[in-house]
Amino acid sequence: VRLVESGGGLVQPGGSLRLSCTASGFTFSSWFMSWVRQAPGKGLEWVSTIPSDTGSTTYADSVKGRFTISRDNTKNTGYLQMNSLKPEDTAVYYCYVLGSWGQGTQVTVSS
C-alpha cells in the first residue's frame, strides 16, 4: 500500500486548496478513504471520509460546508477541496486508506 499526498501550501485566509491522494499497490476502488490532519502541537483530527462507491460522505463539524471530499477510482486518487480556509485549518493533512497513511502534505493558512 502506498499513498502520496500533494497539493498543500501556503494560502491566505479565505483562500482555497485542493489536496490529492494517489494510491498504489492495492485496489483503491474497494476501500473507503479518509482525510485526517494534525495541527502543530496537537493530536490527530479526523476531517472527512468517503466510501468506496462515493456514496454518503461525512465531515467533521469544523470543516462541514467548507471542505468537499471526492475520489476518482479510475485514477486511484482521492481529493479534498478546501474552501474558505481559516488559520485554524493549518495542519499536516494525511490520507488514510486500508490502515495506511501517506507522508502528509502541509497546509498553512496565514496572511
Protein backbone atom coordinates (compact mmCIF):
# COMPACT_ATOMS: atom_id res chain seq x y z
CA VAL A 1 0.00 0.00 0.00
CA ARG A 2 1.39 3.37 -0.97
CA LEU A 3 -0.32 6.72 -0.55
CA VAL A 4 1.13 10.00 -1.76
CA GLU A 5 -0.48 13.29 -0.78
CA SER A 6 0.09 16.52 -2.67
CA GLY A 7 -1.40 19.95 -3.12
CA GLY A 8 -0.58 21.59 0.16
CA GLY A 9 0.95 25.02 0.51
CA LEU A 10 0.63 28.49 1.93
CA VAL A 11 -2.67 30.26 1.39
CA GLN A 12 -4.29 33.37 2.79
CA PRO A 13 -7.40 33.15 4.96
CA GLY A 14 -10.44 32.73 2.78
CA GLY A 15 -8.44 31.00 0.09
CA SER A 16 -8.73 27.53 -1.38
CA LEU A 17 -6.57 24.49 -1.92
CA ARG A 18 -7.20 21.05 -3.37
CA LEU A 19 -5.32 18.15 -1.88
CA SER A 20 -4.77 14.91 -3.76
CA CYS A 21 -4.00 11.42 -2.52
CA THR A 22 -2.72 8.99 -5.12
CA ALA A 23 -2.83 5.33 -4.18
CA SER A 24 -0.95 2.32 -5.48
CA GLY A 25 -0.30 -1.26 -4.53
CA PHE A 26 -3.90 -2.22 -3.81
CA THR A 27 -7.41 -1.94 -5.21
CA PHE A 28 -8.17 1.63 -4.27
CA SER A 29 -11.75 1.44 -5.50
CA SER A 30 -12.63 -1.21 -2.92
CA TRP A 31 -11.94 0.84 0.18
CA PHE A 32 -13.16 3.90 1.96
CA MET A 33 -10.77 6.82 2.19
CA SER A 34 -10.35 9.38 4.93
CA TRP A 35 -8.51 12.61 5.43
CA VAL A 36 -7.01 13.31 8.83
CA ARG A 37 -5.00 16.31 9.95
CA GLN A 38 -2.58 17.21 12.68
CA ALA A 39 -2.15 20.80 13.72
CA PRO A 40 1.10 21.96 15.31
CA GLY A 41 1.34 20.66 18.85
CA LYS A 42 -1.99 18.85 18.67
CA GLY A 43 -3.23 15.33 18.11
CA LEU A 44 -4.76 13.80 15.02
CA GLU A 45 -8.14 15.13 13.97
CA TRP A 46 -10.42 13.27 11.60
CA VAL A 47 -11.59 15.53 8.78
CA SER A 48 -13.68 13.55 6.31
CA THR A 49 -14.45 10.10 4.91
CA ILE A 50 -15.74 8.88 1.58
CA PRO A 51 -16.88 5.32 0.95
CA SER A 52 -15.59 3.21 -1.90
CA ASP A 53 -18.61 3.91 -4.05
CA THR A 54 -18.55 7.71 -3.47
CA GLY A 55 -21.83 7.44 -1.59
CA SER A 56 -22.51 9.21 1.66
CA THR A 57 -19.60 11.39 2.68
CA THR A 58 -19.06 12.58 6.22
CA TYR A 59 -17.29 15.60 7.66
CA ALA A 60 -16.08 16.94 10.94
CA ASP A 61 -18.17 19.84 12.15
CA SER A 62 -15.13 22.08 11.94
CA VAL A 63 -14.95 21.72 8.14
CA LYS A 64 -18.54 21.00 7.16
CA GLY A 65 -19.73 23.31 4.41
CA ARG A 66 -16.19 24.37 3.52
CA PHE A 67 -14.43 21.13 2.55
CA THR A 68 -15.51 18.56 -0.03
CA ILE A 69 -14.10 15.06 -0.27
CA SER A 70 -14.21 13.18 -3.55
CA ARG A 71 -12.47 10.41 -5.41
CA ASP A 72 -11.78 9.22 -8.92
CA ASN A 73 -11.38 5.48 -8.78
CA THR A 74 -10.25 5.38 -12.43
CA LYS A 75 -7.21 7.41 -11.37
CA ASN A 76 -6.74 5.76 -7.96
CA THR A 77 -6.88 9.23 -6.48
CA GLY A 78 -8.81 10.92 -3.75
CA TYR A 79 -9.24 14.63 -3.23
CA LEU A 80 -10.03 17.16 -0.57
CA GLN A 81 -11.26 20.51 -1.86
CA MET A 82 -10.79 23.09 0.86
CA ASN A 83 -12.52 26.44 0.55
CA SER A 84 -12.86 29.40 2.89
CA LEU A 85 -9.72 28.34 4.67
CA LYS A 86 -9.07 29.59 8.18
CA PRO A 87 -5.84 29.87 10.16
CA GLU A 88 -7.07 27.03 12.36
CA ASP A 89 -7.02 24.76 9.31
CA THR A 90 -3.23 24.92 9.38
CA ALA A 91 -2.00 21.35 9.74
CA VAL A 92 -0.35 18.44 8.06
CA TYR A 93 -3.04 16.60 6.13
CA TYR A 94 -2.88 12.86 5.68
CA CYS A 95 -4.98 10.45 3.68
CA TYR A 96 -5.83 7.15 5.30
CA VAL A 97 -6.80 4.02 3.39
CA LEU A 98 -6.68 0.36 4.34
CA GLY A 99 -4.83 1.02 7.57
CA SER A 100 -2.08 3.01 5.87
CA TRP A 101 -1.06 6.64 5.84
CA GLY A 102 0.73 8.80 3.36
CA GLN A 103 3.60 11.10 4.23
CA GLY A 104 1.28 14.07 4.59
CA THR A 105 1.12 17.48 2.96
CA GLN A 106 1.48 20.75 4.84
CA VAL A 107 -1.29 23.30 4.67
CA THR A 108 -0.58 26.71 6.14
CA VAL A 109 -3.27 29.37 6.27
CA SER A 110 -1.79 32.74 7.10
CA SER A 111 -1.83 36.33 5.95
